[in-house]
């Protein structure tokens, strides 16, 4: 089995036709499903949140079989994730895609669990502490994309579970939990 770093690639990754958009609808649907799962799994294990279509992305080519996905195929696979709510285009030109291996509500639930597990129910933390602090090490929140984190925090703020307050800079933004 081929690997990309420590990530184990599925068998289809070595099958050249999967690097070309398939013309038969049934085959294309299966191909798209396989690529969606691969993209989500890879992004989650590698903690990748943004895929830029114009930049080399490790999954989109396989040197061993001398194949690469076309721009059209890349856009098709990412658009399929967007249509399921598992990704969002970050620009109108569809050049950058925010991959949501957890939906925003799921990220919000992870934050609530993190707060409860660490006894932070009535505490104040900075946004950066949540993303990269000692408490978040070893959790899925460690290294979370700032945009994703802020959206999840806003969901919780809307539910009255926390208050977000601004500091003098983006690094100073804080969160007061009230769970």
N, C-alpha and C. Protein backbone atom coordinates (compact mmCIF):
# COMPACT_ATOMS: atom_id res chain seq x y z
N UNK A 1 0.84 -1.19 0.00
CA UNK A 1 0.00 0.00 0.00
C UNK A 1 0.89 1.25 0.00
N UNK A 2 0.56 2.16 -0.86
CA UNK A 2 1.32 3.40 -0.98
C UNK A 2 0.98 4.35 0.16
N UNK A 3 1.96 5.14 0.59
CA UNK A 3 1.75 6.10 1.66
C UNK A 3 2.17 7.48 1.20
N UNK A 4 1.59 8.48 1.82
CA UNK A 4 1.97 9.87 1.64
C UNK A 4 2.35 10.33 3.03
N UNK A 5 3.64 10.30 3.34
CA UNK A 5 4.08 10.50 4.71
C UNK A 5 3.61 9.30 5.51
N UNK A 6 2.87 9.53 6.57
CA UNK A 6 2.31 8.44 7.37
C UNK A 6 0.89 8.06 6.91
N UNK A 7 0.34 8.83 5.99
CA UNK A 7 -1.03 8.61 5.54
C UNK A 7 -1.08 7.47 4.52
N UNK A 8 -1.91 6.47 4.80
CA UNK A 8 -2.06 5.34 3.89
C UNK A 8 -3.06 5.70 2.79
N UNK A 9 -2.61 5.59 1.58
CA UNK A 9 -3.47 5.93 0.44
C UNK A 9 -4.32 4.72 0.05
N UNK A 10 -5.55 4.94 -0.40
CA UNK A 10 -6.41 3.82 -0.80
C UNK A 10 -5.91 3.20 -2.12
N UNK A 11 -6.35 1.99 -2.38
CA UNK A 11 -5.92 1.28 -3.59
C UNK A 11 -6.22 2.04 -4.88
N UNK A 12 -7.36 2.74 -4.93
CA UNK A 12 -7.72 3.43 -6.18
C UNK A 12 -6.70 4.50 -6.56
N UNK A 13 -5.91 4.96 -5.61
CA UNK A 13 -4.93 6.02 -5.87
C UNK A 13 -3.90 5.58 -6.90
N UNK A 14 -3.72 4.27 -7.07
CA UNK A 14 -2.76 3.75 -8.05
C UNK A 14 -3.44 3.30 -9.34
N UNK A 15 -4.69 3.64 -9.50
CA UNK A 15 -5.46 3.24 -10.68
C UNK A 15 -5.62 4.47 -11.58
N UNK A 16 -4.88 4.54 -12.68
CA UNK A 16 -4.86 5.76 -13.51
C UNK A 16 -6.22 6.36 -13.88
N UNK A 17 -7.25 5.56 -14.20
CA UNK A 17 -8.54 6.18 -14.57
C UNK A 17 -9.14 7.08 -13.49
N UNK A 18 -8.79 6.87 -12.23
CA UNK A 18 -9.36 7.70 -11.18
C UNK A 18 -8.77 9.11 -11.17
N UNK A 19 -7.76 9.35 -11.97
CA UNK A 19 -7.19 10.69 -12.10
C UNK A 19 -7.77 11.44 -13.29
N UNK A 20 -8.77 10.83 -13.95
CA UNK A 20 -9.46 11.45 -15.06
C UNK A 20 -10.96 11.41 -14.76
N UNK A 21 -11.64 12.55 -14.91
CA UNK A 21 -13.09 12.55 -14.67
C UNK A 21 -13.75 11.54 -15.59
N UNK A 22 -14.53 10.67 -15.00
CA UNK A 22 -15.15 9.60 -15.77
C UNK A 22 -16.42 10.09 -16.47
N UNK A 23 -16.59 9.70 -17.75
CA UNK A 23 -17.74 10.19 -18.52
C UNK A 23 -19.07 9.50 -18.17
N UNK A 24 -19.03 8.26 -17.71
CA UNK A 24 -20.26 7.52 -17.39
C UNK A 24 -20.72 7.95 -16.00
N UNK A 25 -21.99 8.37 -15.92
CA UNK A 25 -22.52 8.96 -14.69
C UNK A 25 -22.31 8.09 -13.45
N UNK A 26 -22.65 6.81 -13.52
CA UNK A 26 -22.51 5.92 -12.37
C UNK A 26 -21.06 5.82 -11.92
N UNK A 27 -20.17 5.68 -12.87
CA UNK A 27 -18.75 5.56 -12.55
C UNK A 27 -18.24 6.87 -11.96
N UNK A 28 -18.67 7.99 -12.52
CA UNK A 28 -18.24 9.29 -12.02
C UNK A 28 -18.74 9.51 -10.59
N UNK A 29 -19.98 9.11 -10.30
CA UNK A 29 -20.51 9.26 -8.94
C UNK A 29 -19.68 8.47 -7.93
N UNK A 30 -19.30 7.24 -8.30
CA UNK A 30 -18.46 6.43 -7.42
C UNK A 30 -17.09 7.08 -7.26
N UNK A 31 -16.54 7.58 -8.38
CA UNK A 31 -15.24 8.25 -8.35
C UNK A 31 -15.28 9.47 -7.43
N UNK A 32 -16.31 10.28 -7.57
CA UNK A 32 -16.44 11.48 -6.75
C UNK A 32 -16.55 11.11 -5.27
N UNK A 33 -17.33 10.08 -4.96
CA UNK A 33 -17.47 9.64 -3.57
C UNK A 33 -16.13 9.22 -2.99
N UNK A 34 -15.36 8.45 -3.74
CA UNK A 34 -14.04 8.01 -3.27
C UNK A 34 -13.11 9.19 -3.03
N UNK A 35 -13.11 10.15 -3.96
CA UNK A 35 -12.24 11.31 -3.81
C UNK A 35 -12.68 12.20 -2.64
N UNK A 36 -13.98 12.35 -2.44
CA UNK A 36 -14.48 13.15 -1.30
C UNK A 36 -13.98 12.55 0.01
N UNK A 37 -14.12 11.23 0.15
CA UNK A 37 -13.67 10.56 1.38
C UNK A 37 -12.17 10.71 1.56
N UNK A 38 -11.42 10.56 0.47
CA UNK A 38 -9.96 10.67 0.54
C UNK A 38 -9.54 12.08 0.96
N UNK A 39 -10.15 13.09 0.36
CA UNK A 39 -9.81 14.48 0.68
C UNK A 39 -10.11 14.78 2.15
N UNK A 40 -11.29 14.39 2.62
CA UNK A 40 -11.66 14.63 4.02
C UNK A 40 -10.70 13.90 4.97
N UNK A 41 -10.45 12.62 4.71
CA UNK A 41 -9.57 11.84 5.58
C UNK A 41 -8.16 12.43 5.61
N UNK A 42 -7.64 12.78 4.44
CA UNK A 42 -6.28 13.33 4.37
C UNK A 42 -6.20 14.67 5.09
N UNK A 43 -7.15 15.54 4.82
CA UNK A 43 -7.14 16.86 5.47
C UNK A 43 -7.25 16.73 6.98
N UNK A 44 -8.08 15.81 7.46
CA UNK A 44 -8.24 15.64 8.90
C UNK A 44 -6.96 15.11 9.53
N UNK A 45 -6.35 14.09 8.95
CA UNK A 45 -5.15 13.52 9.56
C UNK A 45 -3.96 14.46 9.46
N UNK A 46 -3.92 15.30 8.43
CA UNK A 46 -2.81 16.24 8.24
C UNK A 46 -3.11 17.63 8.78
N UNK A 47 -4.34 17.82 9.32
CA UNK A 47 -4.80 19.12 9.82
C UNK A 47 -4.67 20.21 8.75
N UNK A 48 -5.19 19.90 7.58
CA UNK A 48 -5.21 20.85 6.47
C UNK A 48 -6.63 21.40 6.37
N UNK A 49 -6.74 22.73 6.33
CA UNK A 49 -8.05 23.35 6.27
C UNK A 49 -8.32 24.02 4.93
N UNK A 50 -7.27 24.43 4.23
CA UNK A 50 -7.45 25.17 2.98
C UNK A 50 -6.72 24.45 1.84
N UNK A 51 -7.44 24.26 0.75
CA UNK A 51 -6.85 23.71 -0.47
C UNK A 51 -6.95 24.79 -1.53
N UNK A 52 -5.81 25.14 -2.10
CA UNK A 52 -5.78 26.11 -3.19
C UNK A 52 -5.64 25.33 -4.50
N UNK A 53 -6.56 25.56 -5.42
CA UNK A 53 -6.55 24.81 -6.67
C UNK A 53 -5.32 25.07 -7.53
N UNK A 54 -4.77 26.25 -7.42
CA UNK A 54 -3.64 26.63 -8.27
C UNK A 54 -2.30 26.16 -7.70
N UNK A 55 -2.31 25.61 -6.50
CA UNK A 55 -1.09 25.19 -5.84
C UNK A 55 -1.06 23.66 -5.80
N UNK A 56 0.13 23.09 -5.93
CA UNK A 56 0.25 21.64 -5.85
C UNK A 56 -0.28 21.15 -4.52
N UNK A 57 -1.17 20.18 -4.58
CA UNK A 57 -1.71 19.55 -3.38
C UNK A 57 -1.33 18.08 -3.46
N UNK A 58 -0.73 17.50 -2.43
CA UNK A 58 -0.16 16.15 -2.52
C UNK A 58 -1.10 15.09 -3.07
N UNK A 59 -2.39 15.19 -2.76
CA UNK A 59 -3.33 14.15 -3.23
C UNK A 59 -3.63 14.24 -4.71
N UNK A 60 -3.42 15.40 -5.29
CA UNK A 60 -3.90 15.60 -6.66
C UNK A 60 -2.94 15.11 -7.74
N UNK A 61 -1.87 14.44 -7.33
CA UNK A 61 -0.99 13.82 -8.32
C UNK A 61 -0.35 12.57 -7.73
N UNK A 62 0.02 11.66 -8.61
CA UNK A 62 0.66 10.42 -8.20
C UNK A 62 1.83 10.18 -9.16
N UNK A 63 3.03 10.49 -8.70
CA UNK A 63 4.22 10.34 -9.54
C UNK A 63 4.47 8.89 -9.93
N UNK A 64 4.09 7.95 -9.08
CA UNK A 64 4.33 6.53 -9.35
C UNK A 64 3.63 6.05 -10.62
N UNK A 65 2.47 6.65 -10.92
CA UNK A 65 1.75 6.26 -12.14
C UNK A 65 1.70 7.42 -13.14
N UNK A 66 2.44 8.48 -12.83
CA UNK A 66 2.53 9.65 -13.70
C UNK A 66 1.17 10.22 -14.07
N UNK A 67 0.36 10.44 -13.04
CA UNK A 67 -0.98 11.00 -13.24
C UNK A 67 -1.21 12.17 -12.30
N UNK A 68 -1.97 13.15 -12.79
CA UNK A 68 -2.40 14.30 -11.99
C UNK A 68 -3.84 14.61 -12.35
N UNK A 69 -4.57 15.13 -11.37
CA UNK A 69 -5.94 15.55 -11.63
C UNK A 69 -5.92 16.86 -12.42
N UNK A 70 -6.84 16.97 -13.35
CA UNK A 70 -7.01 18.22 -14.08
C UNK A 70 -7.64 19.25 -13.15
N UNK A 71 -7.56 20.51 -13.55
CA UNK A 71 -8.21 21.58 -12.77
C UNK A 71 -9.71 21.29 -12.68
N UNK A 72 -10.29 20.84 -13.77
CA UNK A 72 -11.72 20.52 -13.80
C UNK A 72 -12.07 19.43 -12.78
N UNK A 73 -11.24 18.40 -12.69
CA UNK A 73 -11.49 17.31 -11.75
C UNK A 73 -11.34 17.79 -10.31
N UNK A 74 -10.31 18.58 -10.05
CA UNK A 74 -10.11 19.13 -8.70
C UNK A 74 -11.33 19.93 -8.28
N UNK A 75 -11.77 20.79 -9.18
CA UNK A 75 -12.94 21.63 -8.87
C UNK A 75 -14.20 20.78 -8.69
N UNK A 76 -14.36 19.74 -9.49
CA UNK A 76 -15.53 18.86 -9.37
C UNK A 76 -15.56 18.17 -8.01
N UNK A 77 -14.41 17.65 -7.57
CA UNK A 77 -14.37 16.93 -6.30
C UNK A 77 -14.60 17.87 -5.12
N UNK A 78 -13.99 19.05 -5.18
CA UNK A 78 -14.20 20.02 -4.10
C UNK A 78 -15.62 20.57 -4.12
N UNK A 79 -16.18 20.79 -5.31
CA UNK A 79 -17.57 21.26 -5.42
C UNK A 79 -18.53 20.25 -4.82
N UNK A 80 -18.22 18.96 -4.98
CA UNK A 80 -19.07 17.92 -4.39
C UNK A 80 -19.04 18.02 -2.87
N UNK A 81 -17.87 18.31 -2.31
CA UNK A 81 -17.78 18.52 -0.86
C UNK A 81 -18.56 19.76 -0.45
N UNK A 82 -18.48 20.82 -1.25
CA UNK A 82 -19.21 22.06 -0.96
C UNK A 82 -20.71 21.78 -0.94
N UNK A 83 -21.19 21.02 -1.91
CA UNK A 83 -22.63 20.75 -1.99
C UNK A 83 -23.13 19.95 -0.79
N UNK A 84 -22.25 19.22 -0.12
CA UNK A 84 -22.62 18.45 1.08
C UNK A 84 -22.39 19.23 2.37
N UNK A 85 -21.89 20.45 2.26
CA UNK A 85 -21.59 21.23 3.45
C UNK A 85 -20.30 20.82 4.13
N UNK A 86 -19.44 20.09 3.42
CA UNK A 86 -18.17 19.64 3.99
C UNK A 86 -17.00 20.54 3.57
N UNK A 87 -17.31 21.56 2.77
CA UNK A 87 -16.30 22.53 2.33
C UNK A 87 -17.03 23.78 1.87
N UNK A 88 -16.26 24.87 1.74
CA UNK A 88 -16.81 26.15 1.25
C UNK A 88 -15.78 26.82 0.37
N UNK A 89 -16.24 27.39 -0.72
CA UNK A 89 -15.34 28.18 -1.55
C UNK A 89 -15.03 29.47 -0.80
N UNK A 90 -13.77 29.85 -0.79
CA UNK A 90 -13.35 31.04 -0.06
C UNK A 90 -13.33 32.29 -0.94
N UNK A 91 -13.48 32.08 -2.24
CA UNK A 91 -13.49 33.21 -3.17
C UNK A 91 -14.43 32.90 -4.33
N UNK A 92 -14.88 33.94 -5.00
CA UNK A 92 -15.83 33.77 -6.10
C UNK A 92 -15.22 33.03 -7.29
N UNK A 93 -13.92 33.14 -7.47
CA UNK A 93 -13.25 32.47 -8.58
C UNK A 93 -12.98 31.00 -8.34
N UNK A 94 -13.39 30.49 -7.18
CA UNK A 94 -13.21 29.09 -6.82
C UNK A 94 -11.74 28.66 -6.92
N UNK A 95 -10.88 29.46 -6.34
CA UNK A 95 -9.46 29.12 -6.36
C UNK A 95 -9.00 28.55 -5.02
N UNK A 96 -9.75 28.85 -3.94
CA UNK A 96 -9.41 28.35 -2.61
C UNK A 96 -10.65 27.76 -1.96
N UNK A 97 -10.44 26.64 -1.29
CA UNK A 97 -11.55 25.94 -0.67
C UNK A 97 -11.23 25.65 0.80
N UNK A 98 -12.16 25.99 1.68
CA UNK A 98 -12.04 25.70 3.10
C UNK A 98 -12.68 24.33 3.34
N UNK A 99 -11.88 23.37 3.76
CA UNK A 99 -12.36 22.01 3.97
C UNK A 99 -12.83 21.86 5.42
N UNK A 100 -14.06 21.40 5.57
CA UNK A 100 -14.66 21.24 6.91
C UNK A 100 -14.78 19.75 7.22
N UNK A 101 -13.69 19.17 7.73
CA UNK A 101 -13.78 17.74 8.05
C UNK A 101 -14.71 17.52 9.21
N UNK A 102 -14.96 18.57 9.99
CA UNK A 102 -16.09 18.58 10.92
C UNK A 102 -16.94 19.78 10.50
N UNK A 103 -18.24 19.61 10.51
CA UNK A 103 -19.11 20.75 10.23
C UNK A 103 -18.96 21.76 11.38
N UNK A 104 -19.34 23.00 11.14
CA UNK A 104 -19.15 24.06 12.14
C UNK A 104 -19.83 23.70 13.46
N UNK A 105 -21.04 23.16 13.41
CA UNK A 105 -21.73 22.75 14.64
C UNK A 105 -20.94 21.67 15.37
N UNK A 106 -20.33 20.76 14.64
CA UNK A 106 -19.53 19.71 15.27
C UNK A 106 -18.29 20.30 15.95
N UNK A 107 -17.68 21.32 15.30
CA UNK A 107 -16.55 22.01 15.93
C UNK A 107 -17.03 22.69 17.23
N UNK A 108 -18.22 23.28 17.18
CA UNK A 108 -18.77 23.92 18.38
C UNK A 108 -18.95 22.89 19.49
N UNK A 109 -19.44 21.71 19.15
CA UNK A 109 -19.60 20.64 20.15
C UNK A 109 -18.25 20.21 20.72
N UNK A 110 -17.22 20.15 19.88
CA UNK A 110 -15.87 19.80 20.34
C UNK A 110 -15.35 20.84 21.33
N UNK A 111 -15.65 22.10 21.06
CA UNK A 111 -15.24 23.18 21.97
C UNK A 111 -15.91 23.01 23.33
N UNK A 112 -17.22 22.74 23.33
CA UNK A 112 -17.96 22.54 24.58
C UNK A 112 -17.35 21.37 25.37
N UNK A 113 -17.07 20.27 24.68
CA UNK A 113 -16.47 19.11 25.36
C UNK A 113 -15.09 19.46 25.92
N UNK A 114 -14.30 20.18 25.14
CA UNK A 114 -12.97 20.62 25.57
C UNK A 114 -13.06 21.46 26.84
N UNK A 115 -14.00 22.40 26.84
CA UNK A 115 -14.18 23.28 28.00
C UNK A 115 -14.56 22.46 29.23
N UNK A 116 -15.52 21.55 29.07
CA UNK A 116 -15.97 20.73 30.20
C UNK A 116 -14.87 19.79 30.70
N UNK A 117 -14.16 19.14 29.77
CA UNK A 117 -13.11 18.19 30.15
C UNK A 117 -11.96 18.87 30.89
N UNK A 118 -11.74 20.15 30.61
CA UNK A 118 -10.64 20.88 31.23
C UNK A 118 -11.09 21.79 32.38
N UNK A 119 -12.35 21.67 32.78
CA UNK A 119 -12.86 22.45 33.89
C UNK A 119 -12.81 23.96 33.65
N UNK A 120 -13.10 24.36 32.42
CA UNK A 120 -12.99 25.78 32.04
C UNK A 120 -14.37 26.45 31.92
N UNK A 121 -15.39 25.87 32.54
CA UNK A 121 -16.77 26.33 32.35
C UNK A 121 -16.98 27.82 32.60
N UNK A 122 -16.28 28.40 33.54
CA UNK A 122 -16.44 29.82 33.84
C UNK A 122 -15.14 30.58 33.64
N UNK A 123 -14.33 30.13 32.72
CA UNK A 123 -13.01 30.71 32.49
C UNK A 123 -12.98 31.65 31.30
N UNK A 124 -11.87 32.36 31.22
CA UNK A 124 -11.59 33.23 30.08
C UNK A 124 -10.33 32.70 29.41
N UNK A 125 -10.37 32.60 28.08
CA UNK A 125 -9.20 32.19 27.30
C UNK A 125 -9.10 33.08 26.08
N UNK A 126 -7.90 33.23 25.56
CA UNK A 126 -7.78 33.93 24.28
C UNK A 126 -8.07 32.92 23.17
N UNK A 127 -8.41 33.44 22.02
CA UNK A 127 -8.65 32.59 20.85
C UNK A 127 -7.38 31.80 20.53
N UNK A 128 -6.24 32.46 20.65
CA UNK A 128 -4.96 31.79 20.36
C UNK A 128 -4.67 30.67 21.35
N UNK A 129 -5.08 30.82 22.61
CA UNK A 129 -4.89 29.74 23.58
C UNK A 129 -5.70 28.51 23.20
N UNK A 130 -6.89 28.74 22.67
CA UNK A 130 -7.73 27.61 22.24
C UNK A 130 -7.06 26.90 21.06
N UNK A 131 -6.52 27.68 20.14
CA UNK A 131 -5.89 27.12 18.93
C UNK A 131 -4.54 26.47 19.20
N UNK A 132 -3.75 27.06 20.11
CA UNK A 132 -2.38 26.59 20.23
C UNK A 132 -1.85 26.54 21.66
N UNK A 133 -2.73 26.63 22.62
CA UNK A 133 -2.30 26.62 24.01
C UNK A 133 -2.01 25.23 24.54
N UNK A 134 -1.46 25.19 25.74
CA UNK A 134 -1.11 23.93 26.40
C UNK A 134 -2.35 23.04 26.55
N UNK A 135 -3.48 23.65 26.93
CA UNK A 135 -4.70 22.87 27.17
C UNK A 135 -5.19 22.15 25.92
N UNK A 136 -4.97 22.75 24.75
CA UNK A 136 -5.52 22.14 23.53
C UNK A 136 -4.58 21.13 22.89
N UNK A 137 -3.34 21.02 23.38
CA UNK A 137 -2.40 20.04 22.81
C UNK A 137 -2.99 18.65 22.90
N UNK A 138 -2.86 17.92 21.80
CA UNK A 138 -3.38 16.55 21.77
C UNK A 138 -4.87 16.47 21.47
N UNK A 139 -5.51 17.61 21.24
CA UNK A 139 -6.93 17.61 20.88
C UNK A 139 -7.08 18.06 19.44
N UNK A 140 -8.25 17.84 18.89
CA UNK A 140 -8.50 18.28 17.51
C UNK A 140 -8.52 19.80 17.39
N UNK A 141 -8.70 20.49 18.49
CA UNK A 141 -8.73 21.95 18.44
C UNK A 141 -7.34 22.54 18.24
N UNK A 142 -6.30 21.79 18.60
CA UNK A 142 -4.94 22.31 18.47
C UNK A 142 -4.60 22.47 16.98
N UNK A 143 -4.32 23.70 16.61
CA UNK A 143 -3.98 23.99 15.21
C UNK A 143 -5.18 24.27 14.33
N UNK A 144 -6.37 24.38 14.92
CA UNK A 144 -7.58 24.64 14.14
C UNK A 144 -7.44 25.96 13.37
N UNK A 145 -7.97 25.98 12.17
CA UNK A 145 -7.97 27.19 11.36
C UNK A 145 -8.75 28.28 12.10
N UNK A 146 -8.19 29.49 12.11
CA UNK A 146 -8.81 30.59 12.86
C UNK A 146 -10.23 30.89 12.37
N UNK A 147 -10.45 30.85 11.07
CA UNK A 147 -11.79 31.12 10.51
C UNK A 147 -12.79 30.10 11.02
N UNK A 148 -12.41 28.83 10.99
CA UNK A 148 -13.30 27.76 11.46
C UNK A 148 -13.58 27.94 12.95
N UNK A 149 -12.53 28.20 13.72
CA UNK A 149 -12.71 28.39 15.16
C UNK A 149 -13.65 29.55 15.46
N UNK A 150 -13.44 30.68 14.81
CA UNK A 150 -14.28 31.86 15.07
C UNK A 150 -15.74 31.58 14.72
N UNK A 151 -15.97 30.87 13.64
CA UNK A 151 -17.36 30.54 13.27
C UNK A 151 -18.00 29.62 14.30
N UNK A 152 -17.24 28.65 14.80
CA UNK A 152 -17.77 27.74 15.82
C UNK A 152 -18.03 28.50 17.12
N UNK A 153 -17.12 29.42 17.47
CA UNK A 153 -17.33 30.22 18.68
C UNK A 153 -18.56 31.11 18.55
N UNK A 154 -18.79 31.64 17.35
CA UNK A 154 -19.98 32.48 17.13
C UNK A 154 -21.27 31.67 17.27
N UNK A 155 -21.25 30.41 16.86
CA UNK A 155 -22.41 29.53 17.05
C UNK A 155 -22.70 29.40 18.55
N UNK A 156 -21.64 29.18 19.32
CA UNK A 156 -21.82 29.03 20.78
C UNK A 156 -22.21 30.34 21.43
N UNK A 157 -21.70 31.45 20.92
CA UNK A 157 -22.07 32.76 21.44
C UNK A 157 -23.56 33.01 21.20
N UNK A 158 -24.03 32.65 20.02
CA UNK A 158 -25.43 32.80 19.67
C UNK A 158 -26.33 31.97 20.60
N UNK A 159 -25.82 30.85 21.07
CA UNK A 159 -26.57 29.98 21.98
C UNK A 159 -26.41 30.39 23.44
N UNK A 160 -25.63 31.46 23.68
CA UNK A 160 -25.45 31.95 25.04
C UNK A 160 -24.46 31.16 25.87
N UNK A 161 -23.61 30.36 25.25
CA UNK A 161 -22.67 29.53 26.00
C UNK A 161 -21.32 30.21 26.21
N UNK A 162 -21.12 31.34 25.55
CA UNK A 162 -19.88 32.08 25.73
C UNK A 162 -20.05 33.49 25.19
N UNK A 163 -19.10 34.33 25.54
CA UNK A 163 -19.07 35.70 25.01
C UNK A 163 -17.69 35.91 24.40
N UNK A 164 -17.67 36.47 23.21
CA UNK A 164 -16.42 36.80 22.54
C UNK A 164 -16.17 38.28 22.76
N UNK A 165 -14.97 38.63 23.19
CA UNK A 165 -14.66 40.04 23.34
C UNK A 165 -13.38 40.37 22.59
N UNK A 166 -13.35 41.57 22.07
CA UNK A 166 -12.23 42.04 21.24
C UNK A 166 -11.15 42.66 22.10
N UNK A 167 -9.92 42.41 21.70
CA UNK A 167 -8.79 43.07 22.33
C UNK A 167 -8.29 44.16 21.39
N UNK A 168 -7.08 44.58 21.61
CA UNK A 168 -6.51 45.63 20.76
C UNK A 168 -6.02 45.08 19.43
N UNK A 169 -5.82 43.75 19.35
CA UNK A 169 -5.43 43.11 18.09
C UNK A 169 -6.12 41.76 17.99
N UNK A 170 -5.98 41.12 16.84
CA UNK A 170 -6.62 39.82 16.65
C UNK A 170 -6.09 38.79 17.65
N UNK A 171 -4.82 38.93 18.04
CA UNK A 171 -4.23 38.00 19.01
C UNK A 171 -4.82 38.17 20.41
N UNK A 172 -5.45 39.31 20.65
CA UNK A 172 -6.00 39.59 21.97
C UNK A 172 -7.47 39.21 22.11
N UNK A 173 -8.08 38.68 21.05
CA UNK A 173 -9.49 38.31 21.17
C UNK A 173 -9.65 37.25 22.25
N UNK A 174 -10.68 37.42 23.06
CA UNK A 174 -10.90 36.50 24.16
C UNK A 174 -12.26 35.88 24.13
N UNK A 175 -12.40 34.84 24.94
CA UNK A 175 -13.66 34.11 25.06
C UNK A 175 -13.92 33.89 26.54
N UNK A 176 -15.13 34.25 26.97
CA UNK A 176 -15.58 33.99 28.34
C UNK A 176 -16.63 32.90 28.25
N UNK A 177 -16.28 31.72 28.76
CA UNK A 177 -17.21 30.60 28.73
C UNK A 177 -18.22 30.71 29.85
N UNK A 178 -19.45 30.31 29.59
CA UNK A 178 -20.47 30.29 30.63
C UNK A 178 -21.37 29.07 30.36
N UNK A 179 -20.80 27.91 30.65
CA UNK A 179 -21.54 26.66 30.40
C UNK A 179 -22.20 26.16 31.67
